[in-house]
Structure formats: structure tokens, C-alpha cells
Amino acid sequence: MNELPTAGVGHDEAMRKKINAAVAARNLASASNNTKWDELISHFRQREGWCPSWRYKSVSGYISGWDVEWFYHLPFPFACVEWFDIGLTQEGPFRGRLLARTTIDHTDELSAVVARIGFEFEVRGDVLRIWGYLPKCYEDFPAA
């Protein structure tokens, strides 16, 4: 039995009312669902080695800091997520004291995973943004 939290954890009646009120007040439309979020979470929990950083904006307006933990720190329930950013680059190994570290770009790989799941998303710079609600919010997203 898997005891790790899933996208719908914490979605009790009180939380549902709070989220629905924020969504209705801002006239937002859902662009995602728990099935898609669970597939994304599962992908990164099963990944060996590097896992990307992430942050999110809640429908209440709160923007989290960046995190890299994919097991318990996620924004449960995901019904509150207006957008979810994923970092696309990884620092490579040191090449010496005087040389800059290399950067490994995971844009193609992560874009393919997110597209296969069926999310509405966009890539700018080194960030992939998944929209949980529409219209799309570009707040604090790298310039095009």
C-alpha cells in the first residue's frame, strides 16, 4: 500500500468551499485535474537521480518559494494550484576551480512528459509553467 500523499489529499468540505470561492471570485476555469497532477507527481517520485525544483501559485494569491522535495512538500490539495512552475536546468559537475560549472538542460525531456500527461503549459527561459486554471497568469514568469 502506497502511503504517500496524492493530489487530492486535504480536499475536505471546508477546503473545497474555500477553493471554490476563490475560483468563482476570480472567474477562473479549471485546466487540470487530480489524475493529471498524480501522474506528474508519480513521474518525479519514481525518477532516479536529479529531480527538478518547483514552486506554485495558489488561487488565493500565495506564491511559494522554490523547493525540490516531491514527496511531502507539495501543495496539497492540488485543486488550489493556479500555476505550477518546474525548473528545467541542473548544475553539471565541476570542471575545475576556475571554470564555471556546466548546465544540463532538461527542457525537451520534461516538456515531453508534461505534454504526454495533457497539461496546458508553456516554457520560458529555464522554467516550465503548468496552468491549473485559466486564464493563464504570467505573473513572475520569465519574459518571452
N, C-alpha and C. Protein backbone atom coordinates (compact mmCIF):
# COMPACT_ATOMS: atom_id res chain seq x y z
N MET A 1 0.83 -1.18 0.00
CA MET A 1 0.00 0.00 0.00
C MET A 1 0.88 1.25 0.00
N ASN A 2 0.62 2.15 -0.92
CA ASN A 2 1.37 3.40 -1.02
C ASN A 2 0.75 4.44 -0.09
N GLU A 3 1.53 4.92 0.86
CA GLU A 3 1.01 5.88 1.83
C GLU A 3 1.45 7.31 1.53
N LEU A 4 2.05 7.55 0.39
CA LEU A 4 2.45 8.90 0.03
C LEU A 4 1.22 9.72 -0.35
N PRO A 5 1.22 11.02 -0.01
CA PRO A 5 0.06 11.85 -0.34
C PRO A 5 -0.12 12.00 -1.85
N THR A 6 -1.37 12.13 -2.25
CA THR A 6 -1.71 12.33 -3.66
C THR A 6 -2.31 13.72 -3.84
N ALA A 7 -2.60 14.08 -5.07
CA ALA A 7 -3.05 15.43 -5.41
C ALA A 7 -4.31 15.86 -4.66
N GLY A 8 -5.18 14.93 -4.31
CA GLY A 8 -6.43 15.29 -3.66
C GLY A 8 -6.40 15.30 -2.15
N VAL A 9 -5.25 14.97 -1.55
CA VAL A 9 -5.15 14.93 -0.09
C VAL A 9 -5.49 16.28 0.51
N GLY A 10 -6.27 16.28 1.58
CA GLY A 10 -6.63 17.51 2.26
C GLY A 10 -7.80 18.24 1.64
N HIS A 11 -8.46 17.60 0.68
CA HIS A 11 -9.58 18.23 -0.02
C HIS A 11 -10.88 17.89 0.69
N ASP A 12 -11.02 18.39 1.91
CA ASP A 12 -12.25 18.17 2.66
C ASP A 12 -13.27 19.25 2.28
N GLU A 13 -14.45 19.18 2.88
CA GLU A 13 -15.54 20.10 2.51
C GLU A 13 -15.17 21.55 2.75
N ALA A 14 -14.51 21.84 3.87
CA ALA A 14 -14.12 23.23 4.18
C ALA A 14 -13.11 23.76 3.15
N MET A 15 -12.14 22.92 2.82
CA MET A 15 -11.13 23.33 1.83
C MET A 15 -11.78 23.51 0.46
N ARG A 16 -12.67 22.61 0.10
CA ARG A 16 -13.36 22.68 -1.20
C ARG A 16 -14.12 24.00 -1.32
N LYS A 17 -14.82 24.40 -0.25
CA LYS A 17 -15.58 25.66 -0.28
C LYS A 17 -14.64 26.86 -0.43
N LYS A 18 -13.53 26.83 0.27
CA LYS A 18 -12.56 27.93 0.21
C LYS A 18 -11.97 28.06 -1.20
N ILE A 19 -11.59 26.94 -1.79
CA ILE A 19 -11.03 26.94 -3.15
C ILE A 19 -12.08 27.38 -4.15
N ASN A 20 -13.28 26.82 -4.07
CA ASN A 20 -14.36 27.19 -5.00
C ASN A 20 -14.70 28.67 -4.91
N ALA A 21 -14.68 29.23 -3.71
CA ALA A 21 -14.97 30.66 -3.55
C ALA A 21 -13.91 31.52 -4.22
N ALA A 22 -12.62 31.15 -4.06
CA ALA A 22 -11.53 31.90 -4.70
C ALA A 22 -11.60 31.78 -6.22
N VAL A 23 -11.91 30.59 -6.71
CA VAL A 23 -12.01 30.36 -8.16
C VAL A 23 -13.18 31.17 -8.74
N ALA A 24 -14.33 31.14 -8.07
CA ALA A 24 -15.51 31.87 -8.54
C ALA A 24 -15.28 33.38 -8.49
N ALA A 25 -14.66 33.86 -7.44
CA ALA A 25 -14.43 35.30 -7.29
C ALA A 25 -13.51 35.84 -8.38
N ARG A 26 -12.60 35.01 -8.86
CA ARG A 26 -11.65 35.43 -9.89
C ARG A 26 -12.07 34.95 -11.28
N ASN A 27 -13.23 34.29 -11.38
CA ASN A 27 -13.77 33.81 -12.65
C ASN A 27 -12.76 32.91 -13.38
N LEU A 28 -12.18 31.96 -12.64
CA LEU A 28 -11.21 31.03 -13.21
C LEU A 28 -11.91 29.77 -13.71
N ALA A 29 -11.30 29.12 -14.68
CA ALA A 29 -11.80 27.85 -15.20
C ALA A 29 -10.72 26.80 -15.05
N SER A 30 -11.08 25.63 -14.62
CA SER A 30 -10.11 24.56 -14.39
C SER A 30 -9.45 24.12 -15.69
N ALA A 31 -8.13 23.94 -15.63
CA ALA A 31 -7.37 23.46 -16.78
C ALA A 31 -6.69 22.14 -16.46
N SER A 32 -6.92 21.60 -15.27
CA SER A 32 -6.26 20.38 -14.85
C SER A 32 -7.17 19.58 -13.93
N ASN A 33 -6.67 18.43 -13.47
CA ASN A 33 -7.43 17.61 -12.52
C ASN A 33 -6.47 16.74 -11.73
N ASN A 34 -6.97 16.09 -10.70
CA ASN A 34 -6.12 15.29 -9.82
C ASN A 34 -5.43 14.14 -10.55
N THR A 35 -6.07 13.57 -11.55
CA THR A 35 -5.46 12.47 -12.30
C THR A 35 -4.18 12.94 -12.97
N LYS A 36 -4.22 14.09 -13.61
CA LYS A 36 -3.02 14.64 -14.27
C LYS A 36 -1.95 14.98 -13.24
N TRP A 37 -2.35 15.66 -12.16
CA TRP A 37 -1.37 16.02 -11.13
C TRP A 37 -0.73 14.77 -10.54
N ASP A 38 -1.53 13.73 -10.27
CA ASP A 38 -0.98 12.49 -9.70
C ASP A 38 0.02 11.84 -10.65
N GLU A 39 -0.25 11.89 -11.95
CA GLU A 39 0.68 11.32 -12.92
C GLU A 39 2.00 12.09 -12.92
N LEU A 40 1.93 13.41 -12.83
CA LEU A 40 3.14 14.24 -12.76
C LEU A 40 3.93 13.94 -11.48
N ILE A 41 3.25 13.92 -10.36
CA ILE A 41 3.91 13.64 -9.08
C ILE A 41 4.56 12.26 -9.11
N SER A 42 3.84 11.28 -9.60
CA SER A 42 4.36 9.92 -9.67
C SER A 42 5.62 9.84 -10.55
N HIS A 43 5.60 10.57 -11.66
CA HIS A 43 6.76 10.57 -12.56
C HIS A 43 8.02 11.02 -11.80
N PHE A 44 7.91 12.12 -11.05
CA PHE A 44 9.10 12.64 -10.38
C PHE A 44 9.46 11.86 -9.12
N ARG A 45 8.50 11.23 -8.49
CA ARG A 45 8.82 10.37 -7.35
C ARG A 45 9.56 9.12 -7.77
N GLN A 46 9.32 8.65 -9.00
CA GLN A 46 9.97 7.44 -9.49
C GLN A 46 11.31 7.73 -10.18
N ARG A 47 11.55 8.97 -10.45
CA ARG A 47 12.77 9.36 -11.17
C ARG A 47 14.00 9.12 -10.30
N GLU A 48 15.02 8.57 -10.88
CA GLU A 48 16.28 8.33 -10.18
C GLU A 48 17.22 9.50 -10.45
N GLY A 49 17.97 9.87 -9.46
CA GLY A 49 18.94 10.96 -9.63
C GLY A 49 18.29 12.32 -9.46
N TRP A 50 18.56 13.21 -10.38
CA TRP A 50 18.11 14.59 -10.29
C TRP A 50 16.59 14.71 -10.40
N CYS A 51 16.02 15.55 -9.55
CA CYS A 51 14.62 15.95 -9.65
C CYS A 51 14.57 17.47 -9.71
N PRO A 52 13.71 18.02 -10.52
CA PRO A 52 13.69 19.47 -10.70
C PRO A 52 13.10 20.21 -9.50
N SER A 53 13.46 21.48 -9.43
CA SER A 53 12.85 22.35 -8.43
C SER A 53 11.46 22.73 -8.92
N TRP A 54 10.62 23.19 -8.00
CA TRP A 54 9.25 23.58 -8.33
C TRP A 54 8.79 24.67 -7.38
N ARG A 55 7.77 25.39 -7.80
CA ARG A 55 7.07 26.35 -6.96
C ARG A 55 5.67 26.48 -7.52
N TYR A 56 4.78 27.14 -6.79
CA TYR A 56 3.40 27.25 -7.27
C TYR A 56 2.78 28.55 -6.81
N LYS A 57 1.67 28.90 -7.46
CA LYS A 57 0.82 29.99 -7.01
C LYS A 57 -0.54 29.40 -6.69
N SER A 58 -1.04 29.74 -5.51
CA SER A 58 -2.37 29.30 -5.08
C SER A 58 -3.43 30.24 -5.65
N VAL A 59 -4.63 29.74 -5.79
CA VAL A 59 -5.74 30.59 -6.25
C VAL A 59 -6.01 31.72 -5.27
N SER A 60 -5.50 31.61 -4.05
CA SER A 60 -5.65 32.68 -3.05
C SER A 60 -4.62 33.80 -3.26
N GLY A 61 -3.63 33.57 -4.14
CA GLY A 61 -2.62 34.58 -4.43
C GLY A 61 -1.25 34.30 -3.86
N TYR A 62 -1.13 33.32 -2.97
CA TYR A 62 0.15 32.97 -2.36
C TYR A 62 1.08 32.35 -3.40
N ILE A 63 2.34 32.81 -3.45
CA ILE A 63 3.36 32.21 -4.30
C ILE A 63 4.42 31.60 -3.39
N SER A 64 4.66 30.32 -3.56
CA SER A 64 5.62 29.61 -2.71
C SER A 64 7.04 29.94 -3.12
N GLY A 65 7.98 29.57 -2.28
CA GLY A 65 9.38 29.60 -2.66
C GLY A 65 9.70 28.34 -3.46
N TRP A 66 10.88 28.28 -4.02
CA TRP A 66 11.30 27.10 -4.77
C TRP A 66 11.62 25.96 -3.81
N ASP A 67 11.28 24.74 -4.19
CA ASP A 67 11.52 23.55 -3.39
C ASP A 67 11.96 22.44 -4.33
N VAL A 68 12.55 21.37 -3.82
CA VAL A 68 12.95 20.24 -4.65
C VAL A 68 12.41 18.90 -4.15
N GLU A 69 11.62 18.93 -3.08
CA GLU A 69 11.11 17.72 -2.46
C GLU A 69 9.77 17.35 -3.10
N TRP A 70 9.66 16.15 -3.65
CA TRP A 70 8.47 15.71 -4.39
C TRP A 70 7.61 14.70 -3.64
N PHE A 71 7.81 14.54 -2.33
CA PHE A 71 7.06 13.54 -1.59
C PHE A 71 6.03 14.14 -0.65
N TYR A 72 6.44 15.10 0.18
CA TYR A 72 5.52 15.64 1.19
C TYR A 72 5.36 17.15 1.15
N HIS A 73 6.24 17.88 0.48
CA HIS A 73 6.19 19.35 0.50
C HIS A 73 5.28 19.94 -0.56
N LEU A 74 4.69 19.16 -1.38
CA LEU A 74 3.87 19.64 -2.49
C LEU A 74 2.60 20.36 -2.00
N PRO A 75 2.00 21.19 -2.86
CA PRO A 75 0.83 21.98 -2.44
C PRO A 75 -0.49 21.19 -2.43
N PHE A 76 -0.66 20.37 -1.41
CA PHE A 76 -1.86 19.56 -1.29
C PHE A 76 -2.98 20.37 -0.67
N PRO A 77 -4.21 20.28 -1.16
CA PRO A 77 -4.64 19.62 -2.39
C PRO A 77 -4.29 20.46 -3.62
N PHE A 78 -4.03 19.80 -4.72
CA PHE A 78 -3.64 20.49 -5.94
C PHE A 78 -4.78 21.29 -6.57
N ALA A 79 -5.99 21.12 -6.09
CA ALA A 79 -7.12 21.92 -6.59
C ALA A 79 -6.89 23.40 -6.33
N CYS A 80 -5.98 23.74 -5.41
CA CYS A 80 -5.70 25.14 -5.09
C CYS A 80 -4.63 25.74 -5.99
N VAL A 81 -4.01 24.97 -6.88
CA VAL A 81 -2.87 25.43 -7.66
C VAL A 81 -3.31 26.17 -8.92
N GLU A 82 -3.04 27.47 -8.96
CA GLU A 82 -3.33 28.26 -10.16
C GLU A 82 -2.30 27.98 -11.24
N TRP A 83 -1.03 27.99 -10.86
CA TRP A 83 0.04 27.56 -11.77
C TRP A 83 1.13 26.87 -10.98
N PHE A 84 1.90 26.03 -11.67
CA PHE A 84 2.95 25.23 -11.06
C PHE A 84 4.17 25.32 -11.97
N ASP A 85 5.25 25.90 -11.45
CA ASP A 85 6.49 26.06 -12.22
C ASP A 85 7.45 24.93 -11.92
N ILE A 86 8.16 24.48 -12.94
CA ILE A 86 9.18 23.45 -12.80
C ILE A 86 10.47 23.99 -13.40
N GLY A 87 11.56 23.91 -12.64
CA GLY A 87 12.87 24.31 -13.14
C GLY A 87 13.39 23.29 -14.13
N LEU A 88 14.00 23.77 -15.20
CA LEU A 88 14.39 22.88 -16.30
C LEU A 88 15.88 22.59 -16.39
N THR A 89 16.68 23.24 -15.55
CA THR A 89 18.12 23.05 -15.67
C THR A 89 18.71 22.47 -14.39
N GLN A 90 19.82 21.80 -14.56
CA GLN A 90 20.54 21.15 -13.48
C GLN A 90 22.00 21.57 -13.58
N GLU A 91 22.62 21.87 -12.45
CA GLU A 91 24.05 22.16 -12.48
C GLU A 91 24.79 20.86 -12.74
N GLY A 92 25.72 20.92 -13.69
CA GLY A 92 26.53 19.76 -14.02
C GLY A 92 27.73 19.68 -13.08
N PRO A 93 28.61 18.75 -13.35
CA PRO A 93 29.77 18.56 -12.48
C PRO A 93 30.77 19.72 -12.61
N PHE A 94 31.57 19.87 -11.57
CA PHE A 94 32.64 20.87 -11.62
C PHE A 94 33.66 20.45 -12.66
N ARG A 95 34.20 21.44 -13.37
CA ARG A 95 35.24 21.17 -14.38
C ARG A 95 36.59 21.67 -13.88
N GLY A 96 36.62 22.24 -12.70
CA GLY A 96 37.85 22.77 -12.12
C GLY A 96 37.52 24.01 -11.31
N ARG A 97 38.49 24.46 -10.53
CA ARG A 97 38.25 25.60 -9.65
C ARG A 97 37.98 26.90 -10.40
N LEU A 98 38.60 27.09 -11.52
CA LEU A 98 38.49 28.36 -12.23
C LEU A 98 37.48 28.34 -13.37
N LEU A 99 36.89 27.20 -13.63
CA LEU A 99 35.91 27.09 -14.71
C LEU A 99 34.50 27.02 -14.16
N ALA A 100 33.59 27.65 -14.85
CA ALA A 100 32.18 27.62 -14.43
C ALA A 100 31.64 26.20 -14.56
N ARG A 101 30.67 25.87 -13.73
CA ARG A 101 30.01 24.57 -13.84
C ARG A 101 29.21 24.52 -15.13
N THR A 102 29.05 23.34 -15.66
CA THR A 102 28.21 23.16 -16.83
C THR A 102 26.75 23.13 -16.38
N THR A 103 25.86 23.33 -17.32
CA THR A 103 24.43 23.27 -17.05
C THR A 103 23.82 22.20 -17.93
N ILE A 104 23.01 21.35 -17.34
CA ILE A 104 22.31 20.30 -18.08
C ILE A 104 20.88 20.76 -18.27
N ASP A 105 20.45 20.84 -19.52
CA ASP A 105 19.11 21.33 -19.87
C ASP A 105 18.17 20.14 -20.07
N HIS A 106 17.10 20.10 -19.28
CA HIS A 106 16.11 19.01 -19.34
C HIS A 106 14.81 19.45 -20.02
N THR A 107 14.84 20.56 -20.76
CA THR A 107 13.63 21.12 -21.36
C THR A 107 12.88 20.11 -22.22
N ASP A 108 13.57 19.47 -23.15
CA ASP A 108 12.91 18.55 -24.07
C ASP A 108 12.27 17.38 -23.33
N GLU A 109 13.00 16.79 -22.41
CA GLU A 109 12.51 15.64 -21.65
C GLU A 109 11.27 16.00 -20.82
N LEU A 110 11.36 17.09 -20.04
CA LEU A 110 10.25 17.45 -19.16
C LEU A 110 9.05 17.97 -19.95
N SER A 111 9.29 18.68 -21.05
CA SER A 111 8.18 19.14 -21.89
C SER A 111 7.43 17.95 -22.48
N ALA A 112 8.15 16.91 -22.86
CA ALA A 112 7.51 15.71 -23.41
C ALA A 112 6.65 15.02 -22.36
N VAL A 113 7.13 14.94 -21.13
CA VAL A 113 6.37 14.30 -20.04
C VAL A 113 5.09 15.08 -19.78
N VAL A 114 5.20 16.40 -19.66
CA VAL A 114 4.05 17.25 -19.35
C VAL A 114 3.04 17.23 -20.50
N ALA A 115 3.53 17.24 -21.73
CA ALA A 115 2.63 17.19 -22.90
C ALA A 115 1.91 15.84 -22.95
N ARG A 116 2.62 14.76 -22.68
CA ARG A 116 2.01 13.42 -22.71
C ARG A 116 0.89 13.32 -21.67
N ILE A 117 1.08 13.93 -20.51
CA ILE A 117 0.06 13.90 -19.46
C ILE A 117 -1.17 14.71 -19.89
N GLY A 118 -0.96 15.75 -20.68
CA GLY A 118 -2.08 16.53 -21.20
C GLY A 118 -2.28 17.88 -20.54
N PHE A 119 -1.25 18.39 -19.90
CA PHE A 119 -1.34 19.69 -19.26
C PHE A 119 -1.29 20.83 -20.27
N GLU A 120 -1.91 21.96 -19.91
CA GLU A 120 -1.73 23.22 -20.62
C GLU A 120 -0.47 23.82 -20.01
N PHE A 121 0.58 24.05 -20.84
CA PHE A 121 1.85 24.53 -20.29
C PHE A 121 2.58 25.40 -21.30
N GLU A 122 3.60 26.07 -20.80
CA GLU A 122 4.46 26.91 -21.63
C GLU A 122 5.85 26.92 -21.02
N VAL A 123 6.87 27.04 -21.88
CA VAL A 123 8.25 27.12 -21.43
C VAL A 123 8.79 28.50 -21.77
N ARG A 124 9.41 29.12 -20.77
CA ARG A 124 10.12 30.39 -20.96
C ARG A 124 11.40 30.33 -20.17
N GLY A 125 12.51 30.64 -20.83
CA GLY A 125 13.80 30.58 -20.14
C GLY A 125 14.03 29.19 -19.61
N ASP A 126 14.34 29.10 -18.32
CA ASP A 126 14.60 27.80 -17.71
C ASP A 126 13.46 27.34 -16.80
N VAL A 127 12.23 27.79 -17.15
CA VAL A 127 11.04 27.45 -16.35
C VAL A 127 9.93 26.91 -17.26
N LEU A 128 9.32 25.82 -16.82
CA LEU A 128 8.12 25.28 -17.47
C LEU A 128 6.96 25.58 -16.54
N ARG A 129 5.93 26.26 -17.05
CA ARG A 129 4.76 26.59 -16.24
C ARG A 129 3.57 25.75 -16.69
N ILE A 130 2.95 25.07 -15.72
CA ILE A 130 1.72 24.32 -15.94
C ILE A 130 0.59 25.15 -15.34
N TRP A 131 -0.48 25.30 -16.11
CA TRP A 131 -1.62 26.05 -15.59
C TRP A 131 -2.65 25.09 -15.01
N GLY A 132 -3.01 25.34 -13.76
CA GLY A 132 -4.09 24.60 -13.12
C GLY A 132 -5.43 25.23 -13.42
N TYR A 133 -5.40 26.55 -13.72
CA TYR A 133 -6.61 27.31 -14.03
C TYR A 133 -6.34 28.28 -15.17
N LEU A 134 -7.39 28.61 -15.88
CA LEU A 134 -7.35 29.61 -16.94
C LEU A 134 -8.24 30.78 -16.53
N PRO A 135 -7.99 31.99 -17.00
CA PRO A 135 -7.00 32.37 -18.00
C PRO A 135 -5.58 32.24 -17.44
N LYS A 136 -4.64 32.11 -18.36
CA LYS A 136 -3.25 31.95 -17.99
C LYS A 136 -2.74 33.19 -17.25
N CYS A 137 -2.00 32.94 -16.20
CA CYS A 137 -1.40 34.00 -15.40
C CYS A 137 0.11 33.97 -15.64
N TYR A 138 0.66 35.08 -16.10
CA TYR A 138 2.10 35.15 -16.39
C TYR A 138 2.88 35.86 -15.29
N GLU A 139 2.27 36.05 -14.14
CA GLU A 139 2.92 36.69 -13.02
C GLU A 139 4.23 35.96 -12.66
N ASP A 140 5.30 36.74 -12.54
CA ASP A 140 6.61 36.22 -12.11
C ASP A 140 7.10 35.07 -13.00
N PHE A 141 6.83 35.18 -14.30
CA PHE A 141 7.27 34.19 -15.29
C PHE A 141 8.32 34.88 -16.16
N PRO A 142 9.40 34.19 -16.53
CA PRO A 142 10.42 34.86 -17.35
C PRO A 142 9.83 35.49 -18.61
N ALA A 143 10.42 36.58 -19.04
CA ALA A 143 9.94 37.27 -20.26
C ALA A 143 10.11 36.36 -21.48
N ALA A 144 9.21 36.53 -22.43
CA ALA A 144 9.25 35.74 -23.66
C ALA A 144 10.38 36.16 -24.56
